[in-house]
Amino acid sequence: MSWSSAVPLVVLAAAWVTLPGLVVGLAAGLRGIAAWGAAPMLSVGVIAGSAVGASMLGVPWSGAAPATAAAAFALLVVGVRRLVLGLPLLPRPTVVRAAAGESVRTLLRGGPDRRWTGLAALTGLVIAGALGFSAAVRGMARPDALSQTFDANFHYNAVARILGTHDASSLTVGGLVNSPGFYPAAWHDVVSLVAPLAPGPGEIVVASNVVALVTTLLVWPLSVLFLVRTLVGRSAGAALAAPVLALGFVAFPWTLVTYGALWPNLLGVSLVPAALAATALAARPGLGPDPVSPARPGPFPPGRVARWFPAVAAVVALGFAHPNALFGAVVVAVPPILWGLVGAVRRGLRGGT
């Protein structure tokens, strides 16, 4: 199998790790680079969370579960935002149409980002993807190349179990080798959504390689871009350089693509920068130019939900991807959280005097 014939699978995997989270992120009030950068993290949370929910409800696992969950959760988030803003729970149809139009315009224009910053970010992602794809193709050789590593056997069989039982819950996948209990199955859930459309035999191998590629070349750069945008601001140079430099280190992401193969770790660590960005956004909203508010007020202004929701979702996404990524993110996130608390106390004291 050639990589050119695997392009549709790459597009499918990219869609699964971005679109569900993008829908939820837009509903929460995220815009521009923040919406795209948080999309993989939110998608992983939606996919893995819906897998647990489907298992509990006795619903067979398929792409319909995360798609339905994303739509339902987006509606729930919009309702929460309107309640927080003190608006009627059900907006008028004209408001809904205006909100949809605003979402499309902000996606095309970059939302709170300058137009040049959005173009620079897109250019950086394209350059990173081209350079990274060249390196990955040389390393993997073929999309159906079998990973002959210690952990790969378990990951392949975990996906096979999901496809055979139609149960992708992180509460049951671990039963493959142990008594049923929690096992972070977000990686396997994503692969199981791609594998049914991969050519067989060996469709699980192909899907695993494709998802590893997409995680390395899309999820990780987007996550880094979100963090840089949150900390640095609207700098076009930073937006251009961040995705490219993100792929410039051997230790990560390249080592985890092949070593182990520690694919769940690869996914989890790839989401850590987005989790840190979400933490910084919640703990210190004034850090750099606002990365979530649209340039013009719309019918669904972002407010507190847009600032706090990604941080809450990060706990779920990283926990389902790999708990060690969650623990690492918590350790790194402590300083900005403390900084935000100190700033809040200072503002309160100044306001009281």
Protein backbone atom coordinates (compact mmCIF):
# COMPACT_ATOMS: atom_id res chain seq x y z
CA MET A 1 0.00 0.00 0.00
CA SER A 2 1.34 3.43 -0.94
CA TRP A 3 0.99 6.66 1.00
CA SER A 4 -0.88 8.24 -1.88
CA SER A 5 -3.61 5.62 -1.52
CA ALA A 6 -3.73 6.33 2.22
CA VAL A 7 -4.54 10.04 1.75
CA PRO A 8 -8.32 9.53 2.26
CA LEU A 9 -7.60 7.79 5.56
CA VAL A 10 -5.30 10.62 6.62
CA VAL A 11 -8.07 13.11 5.86
CA LEU A 12 -10.56 10.98 7.80
CA ALA A 13 -8.27 10.76 10.83
CA ALA A 14 -7.62 14.51 10.68
CA ALA A 15 -11.37 15.12 10.58
CA TRP A 16 -12.01 12.95 13.62
CA VAL A 17 -9.35 14.68 15.73
CA THR A 18 -10.47 18.19 14.83
CA LEU A 19 -14.13 18.53 13.78
CA PRO A 20 -15.94 17.25 16.91
CA GLY A 21 -13.81 19.47 19.10
CA LEU A 22 -14.12 22.42 16.74
CA VAL A 23 -17.91 22.25 16.92
CA VAL A 24 -17.83 22.11 20.72
CA GLY A 25 -15.17 24.82 20.94
CA LEU A 26 -17.14 27.21 18.76
CA ALA A 27 -20.21 26.54 20.87
CA ALA A 28 -18.17 27.39 23.97
CA GLY A 29 -17.10 30.70 22.46
CA LEU A 30 -13.60 29.90 21.24
CA ARG A 31 -12.58 31.67 18.05
CA GLY A 32 -9.63 31.83 15.67
CA ILE A 33 -6.41 30.03 16.55
CA ALA A 34 -7.80 29.18 19.99
CA ALA A 35 -10.72 27.30 18.41
CA TRP A 36 -8.48 25.30 16.07
CA GLY A 37 -5.74 24.77 18.65
CA ALA A 38 -8.13 23.41 21.26
CA ALA A 39 -10.04 21.29 18.74
CA PRO A 40 -7.90 18.10 19.02
CA MET A 41 -8.02 18.19 22.82
CA LEU A 42 -11.79 18.66 22.81
CA SER A 43 -12.21 15.99 20.10
CA VAL A 44 -10.31 13.42 22.14
CA GLY A 45 -12.48 14.20 25.14
CA VAL A 46 -15.67 13.88 23.10
CA ILE A 47 -14.60 10.63 21.40
CA ALA A 48 -13.33 8.88 24.53
CA GLY A 49 -16.15 10.21 26.68
CA SER A 50 -18.80 9.11 24.20
CA ALA A 51 -17.21 5.65 24.10
CA VAL A 52 -17.74 5.28 27.84
CA GLY A 53 -21.27 6.62 27.58
CA ALA A 54 -22.18 4.34 24.67
CA SER A 55 -20.90 1.32 26.58
CA MET A 56 -22.94 2.19 29.66
CA LEU A 57 -26.07 2.67 27.55
CA GLY A 58 -25.50 -0.53 25.60
CA VAL A 59 -25.12 1.34 22.30
CA PRO A 60 -22.72 -0.34 19.82
CA TRP A 61 -19.63 1.73 19.16
CA SER A 62 -19.45 3.49 15.80
CA GLY A 63 -18.80 6.94 14.40
CA ALA A 64 -22.38 7.89 15.18
CA ALA A 65 -21.64 7.93 18.92
CA PRO A 66 -18.99 10.71 18.96
CA ALA A 67 -20.80 12.65 16.23
CA THR A 68 -24.03 12.64 18.23
CA ALA A 69 -22.16 13.43 21.44
CA ALA A 70 -20.41 16.42 19.84
CA ALA A 71 -23.70 17.87 18.61
CA ALA A 72 -25.47 17.28 21.92
CA PHE A 73 -22.61 18.68 23.96
CA ALA A 74 -22.38 21.75 21.73
CA LEU A 75 -26.07 22.46 22.35
CA LEU A 76 -25.55 21.95 26.08
CA VAL A 77 -22.59 24.35 26.14
CA VAL A 78 -24.55 26.99 24.22
CA GLY A 79 -27.36 26.65 26.76
CA VAL A 80 -24.95 27.03 29.66
CA ARG A 81 -23.39 30.10 28.06
CA ARG A 82 -26.76 31.74 27.59
CA LEU A 83 -27.72 31.02 31.20
CA VAL A 84 -24.41 32.47 32.41
CA LEU A 85 -25.01 35.57 30.28
CA GLY A 86 -28.55 35.88 31.63
CA LEU A 87 -30.13 35.34 28.21
CA PRO A 88 -33.19 33.21 27.34
CA LEU A 89 -32.28 29.54 27.02
CA LEU A 90 -33.82 29.25 23.55
CA PRO A 91 -32.70 32.10 21.25
CA ARG A 92 -34.84 33.43 18.44
CA PRO A 93 -34.21 31.91 14.97
CA THR A 94 -32.72 35.20 13.79
CA VAL A 95 -30.16 35.04 16.59
CA VAL A 96 -29.27 31.45 15.68
CA ARG A 97 -28.72 32.41 12.05
CA ALA A 98 -26.63 35.40 13.11
CA ALA A 99 -24.53 33.18 15.38
CA ALA A 100 -23.93 30.68 12.58
CA GLY A 101 -22.87 33.48 10.26
CA GLU A 102 -20.58 34.92 12.91
CA SER A 103 -18.91 31.53 13.42
CA VAL A 104 -18.22 31.16 9.70
CA ARG A 105 -16.85 34.70 9.43
CA THR A 106 -14.58 34.32 12.43
CA LEU A 107 -13.23 31.03 11.10
CA LEU A 108 -12.40 32.64 7.76
CA ARG A 109 -11.00 35.86 9.20
CA GLY A 110 -9.17 34.44 12.18
CA GLY A 111 -11.57 35.76 14.79
CA PRO A 112 -9.64 37.57 17.52
CA ASP A 113 -6.40 37.11 15.58
CA ARG A 114 -5.12 39.52 12.98
CA ARG A 115 -5.60 38.25 9.44
CA TRP A 116 -1.84 38.02 8.93
CA THR A 117 -1.51 36.00 12.12
CA GLY A 118 -4.07 33.51 10.88
CA LEU A 119 -2.35 33.22 7.51
CA ALA A 120 1.02 32.81 9.23
CA ALA A 121 -0.37 30.04 11.42
CA LEU A 122 -1.82 28.24 8.39
CA THR A 123 1.47 28.61 6.52
CA GLY A 124 3.39 27.25 9.49
CA LEU A 125 1.10 24.24 9.71
CA VAL A 126 1.51 23.53 5.99
CA ILE A 127 5.31 23.79 6.18
CA ALA A 128 5.41 21.60 9.28
CA GLY A 129 3.13 19.06 7.64
CA ALA A 130 5.22 18.89 4.47
CA LEU A 131 8.54 18.54 6.29
CA GLY A 132 7.12 16.14 8.85
CA PHE A 133 5.41 13.99 6.22
CA SER A 134 8.69 13.62 4.35
CA ALA A 135 10.43 12.46 7.52
CA ALA A 136 7.59 10.14 8.53
CA VAL A 137 7.43 8.48 5.12
CA ARG A 138 11.13 7.75 5.26
CA GLY A 139 10.73 6.29 8.74
CA MET A 140 7.56 4.24 8.21
CA ALA A 141 8.24 3.40 4.55
CA ARG A 142 4.66 2.17 3.99
CA PRO A 143 1.35 2.86 5.73
CA ASP A 144 0.82 -0.88 6.18
CA ALA A 145 4.23 -1.46 7.79
CA LEU A 146 3.84 -3.52 10.96
CA SER A 147 5.38 -2.06 14.12
CA GLN A 148 7.49 -4.86 15.59
CA THR A 149 7.75 -3.37 19.06
CA PHE A 150 6.76 -4.57 22.52
CA ASP A 151 3.61 -2.49 23.08
CA ALA A 152 2.35 -2.53 19.50
CA ASN A 153 0.87 -6.01 19.90
CA PHE A 154 -1.36 -4.85 22.73
CA HIS A 155 -2.48 -1.71 20.89
CA TYR A 156 -3.32 -3.65 17.73
CA ASN A 157 -5.29 -6.22 19.71
CA ALA A 158 -7.07 -3.55 21.76
CA VAL A 159 -8.38 -2.00 18.54
CA ALA A 160 -9.34 -5.46 17.27
CA ARG A 161 -11.27 -6.04 20.49
CA ILE A 162 -13.13 -2.75 20.02
CA LEU A 163 -14.05 -3.65 16.44
CA GLY A 164 -15.11 -7.14 17.47
CA THR A 165 -17.18 -6.23 20.53
CA HIS A 166 -18.33 -2.74 19.46
CA ASP A 167 -17.31 -1.56 22.93
CA ALA A 168 -14.64 1.16 23.08
CA SER A 169 -15.04 2.21 26.70
CA SER A 170 -11.91 2.98 28.71
CA LEU A 171 -13.58 0.99 31.49
CA THR A 172 -13.60 -2.26 29.50
CA VAL A 173 -10.70 -2.20 27.01
CA GLY A 174 -8.24 -3.11 29.77
CA GLY A 175 -10.04 -6.44 30.13
CA LEU A 176 -8.04 -7.62 27.13
CA VAL A 177 -5.17 -8.61 29.45
CA ASN A 178 -6.43 -7.89 32.97
CA SER A 179 -9.67 -7.84 34.88
CA PRO A 180 -11.88 -5.02 33.57
CA GLY A 181 -10.82 -1.65 34.92
CA PHE A 182 -9.78 1.76 33.73
CA TYR A 183 -7.36 1.87 30.81
CA PRO A 184 -6.83 5.07 28.78
CA ALA A 185 -8.33 4.05 25.44
CA ALA A 186 -8.64 7.38 23.62
CA TRP A 187 -5.95 6.37 21.13
CA HIS A 188 -7.63 3.06 20.38
CA ASP A 189 -11.01 4.78 20.07
CA VAL A 190 -9.69 7.11 17.37
CA VAL A 191 -7.99 4.25 15.50
CA SER A 192 -11.19 2.21 15.65
CA LEU A 193 -13.02 5.03 13.84
CA VAL A 194 -10.51 4.94 10.98
CA ALA A 195 -9.86 1.19 10.69
CA PRO A 196 -13.26 0.18 9.21
CA LEU A 197 -12.48 2.20 6.07
CA ALA A 198 -8.89 0.99 5.74
CA PRO A 199 -8.12 -1.75 3.21
CA GLY A 200 -7.64 -5.21 4.65
CA PRO A 201 -6.11 -7.41 5.67
CA GLY A 202 -4.04 -5.33 8.05
CA GLU A 203 -6.56 -2.49 8.34
CA ILE A 204 -5.71 -2.00 12.03
CA VAL A 205 -2.02 -1.61 11.21
CA VAL A 206 -2.79 0.93 8.50
CA ALA A 207 -5.16 2.89 10.72
CA SER A 208 -2.64 2.91 13.58
CA ASN A 209 0.09 4.30 11.34
CA VAL A 210 -2.26 6.91 9.91
CA VAL A 211 -3.41 8.09 13.34
CA ALA A 212 0.21 8.21 14.54
CA LEU A 213 1.02 10.36 11.53
CA VAL A 214 -1.92 12.72 12.11
CA THR A 215 -1.14 12.98 15.82
CA THR A 216 2.45 13.95 15.04
CA LEU A 217 1.83 16.31 12.13
CA LEU A 218 -1.48 17.92 13.14
CA VAL A 219 -2.46 17.39 16.78
CA TRP A 220 0.93 18.29 18.24
CA PRO A 221 1.56 21.41 16.08
CA LEU A 222 -1.98 22.71 16.68
CA SER A 223 -1.58 22.19 20.40
CA VAL A 224 1.74 24.06 20.45
CA LEU A 225 0.24 26.83 18.32
CA PHE A 226 -2.59 27.29 20.83
CA LEU A 227 -0.10 27.63 23.68
CA VAL A 228 2.10 30.11 21.81
CA ARG A 229 -0.93 32.19 20.78
CA THR A 230 -2.15 32.31 24.37
CA LEU A 231 1.21 33.33 25.83
CA VAL A 232 2.76 35.47 23.08
CA GLY A 233 -0.28 37.10 21.53
CA ARG A 234 -1.01 37.96 17.92
CA SER A 235 2.59 37.75 16.67
CA ALA A 236 2.57 36.49 13.08
CA GLY A 237 6.20 35.41 13.39
CA ALA A 238 5.46 33.28 16.43
CA ALA A 239 2.42 31.76 14.72
CA LEU A 240 4.54 30.88 11.69
CA ALA A 241 7.44 29.42 13.65
CA ALA A 242 5.58 27.50 16.35
CA PRO A 243 4.24 24.57 14.25
CA VAL A 244 7.52 24.18 12.38
CA LEU A 245 9.72 24.23 15.47
CA ALA A 246 7.34 21.85 17.25
CA LEU A 247 8.51 19.08 14.91
CA GLY A 248 12.19 19.94 15.24
CA PHE A 249 13.01 17.76 18.24
CA VAL A 250 13.85 14.06 18.19
CA ALA A 251 12.80 13.28 21.78
CA PHE A 252 9.26 14.34 21.01
CA PRO A 253 7.26 13.67 18.96
CA TRP A 254 9.44 11.42 16.82
CA THR A 255 10.72 9.02 19.48
CA LEU A 256 7.26 8.10 20.74
CA VAL A 257 6.07 7.37 17.20
CA THR A 258 8.37 4.35 17.04
CA TYR A 259 9.62 3.55 20.54
CA GLY A 260 7.41 1.18 22.48
CA ALA A 261 5.31 1.88 20.45
CA LEU A 262 3.94 4.30 23.03
CA TRP A 263 1.10 5.64 20.93
CA PRO A 264 -1.26 6.55 23.82
CA ASN A 265 1.62 8.50 25.37
CA LEU A 266 2.16 10.20 22.02
CA LEU A 267 -1.45 11.33 21.95
CA GLY A 268 -1.48 12.40 25.58
CA VAL A 269 1.71 14.44 25.47
CA SER A 270 0.60 16.02 22.18
CA LEU A 271 -2.37 17.50 24.05
CA VAL A 272 -0.34 18.89 26.98
CA PRO A 273 0.45 22.29 25.36
CA ALA A 274 -3.25 22.83 24.64
CA ALA A 275 -4.05 21.93 28.24
CA LEU A 276 -1.46 24.44 29.46
CA ALA A 277 -2.90 27.08 27.14
CA ALA A 278 -6.36 26.38 28.53
CA THR A 279 -5.01 26.69 32.06
CA ALA A 280 -3.31 30.01 31.29
CA LEU A 281 -6.50 31.25 29.67
CA ALA A 282 -8.53 30.43 32.76
CA ALA A 283 -5.99 31.47 35.38
CA ARG A 284 -4.89 34.74 33.85
CA PRO A 285 -7.25 35.98 31.12
CA GLY A 286 -5.22 39.17 30.66
CA LEU A 287 -2.07 37.30 29.65
CA GLY A 288 -1.38 38.64 26.16
CA PRO A 289 -4.03 39.83 23.70
CA ASP A 290 -7.35 38.09 24.17
CA PRO A 291 -7.19 34.80 22.21
CA VAL A 292 -10.90 34.02 22.34
CA SER A 293 -13.02 37.15 21.93
CA PRO A 294 -14.16 38.01 18.40
CA ALA A 295 -13.12 41.34 16.94
CA ARG A 296 -16.77 42.43 16.89
CA PRO A 297 -19.36 41.55 19.54
CA GLY A 298 -21.73 38.85 18.31
CA PRO A 299 -24.93 37.29 19.61
CA PHE A 300 -22.91 34.77 21.64
CA PRO A 301 -20.07 36.72 23.34
CA PRO A 302 -17.46 34.35 24.86
CA GLY A 303 -17.24 35.38 28.52
CA ARG A 304 -16.42 33.03 31.38
CA VAL A 305 -17.51 29.79 29.69
CA ALA A 306 -14.98 30.24 26.87
CA ARG A 307 -12.25 30.86 29.43
CA TRP A 308 -12.95 28.03 31.85
CA PHE A 309 -14.49 25.33 29.69
CA PRO A 310 -11.23 24.32 27.86
CA ALA A 311 -9.42 23.85 31.18
CA VAL A 312 -12.16 21.56 32.49
CA ALA A 313 -12.24 19.63 29.20
CA ALA A 314 -8.46 19.24 29.32
CA VAL A 315 -8.72 17.11 32.46
CA VAL A 316 -11.11 14.72 30.72
CA ALA A 317 -9.17 14.57 27.45
CA LEU A 318 -5.74 14.01 29.00
CA GLY A 319 -7.11 11.51 31.47
CA PHE A 320 -8.57 9.39 28.66
CA ALA A 321 -5.48 9.84 26.45
CA HIS A 322 -2.95 8.92 29.14
CA PRO A 323 -2.95 9.82 32.85
CA ASN A 324 0.79 10.52 32.91
CA ALA A 325 0.17 13.37 30.46
CA LEU A 326 -2.47 14.72 32.84
CA PHE A 327 -0.12 14.52 35.82
CA GLY A 328 2.66 16.21 33.86
CA ALA A 329 0.34 18.99 32.76
CA VAL A 330 -0.82 19.54 36.35
CA VAL A 331 2.78 19.93 37.56
CA VAL A 332 3.62 22.45 34.84
CA ALA A 333 0.30 24.27 35.26
CA VAL A 334 0.73 24.99 38.98
CA PRO A 335 2.80 28.20 38.48
CA PRO A 336 0.27 29.97 36.20
CA ILE A 337 -2.57 28.89 38.47
CA LEU A 338 -0.81 30.36 41.50
CA TRP A 339 0.04 33.49 39.51
CA GLY A 340 -3.59 33.90 38.58
CA LEU A 341 -4.73 33.44 42.17
CA VAL A 342 -2.19 35.98 43.42
CA GLY A 343 -3.34 38.44 40.76
CA ALA A 344 -6.97 37.90 41.72
CA VAL A 345 -6.18 38.53 45.39
CA ARG A 346 -4.26 41.69 44.54
CA ARG A 347 -7.10 43.00 42.39
CA GLY A 348 -9.54 42.22 45.19
CA LEU A 349 -7.43 44.05 47.74
CA ARG A 350 -7.05 47.07 45.48
CA GLY A 351 -10.78 47.06 44.81
CA GLY A 352 -11.49 46.91 48.54
CA THR A 353 -9.35 49.95 49.23
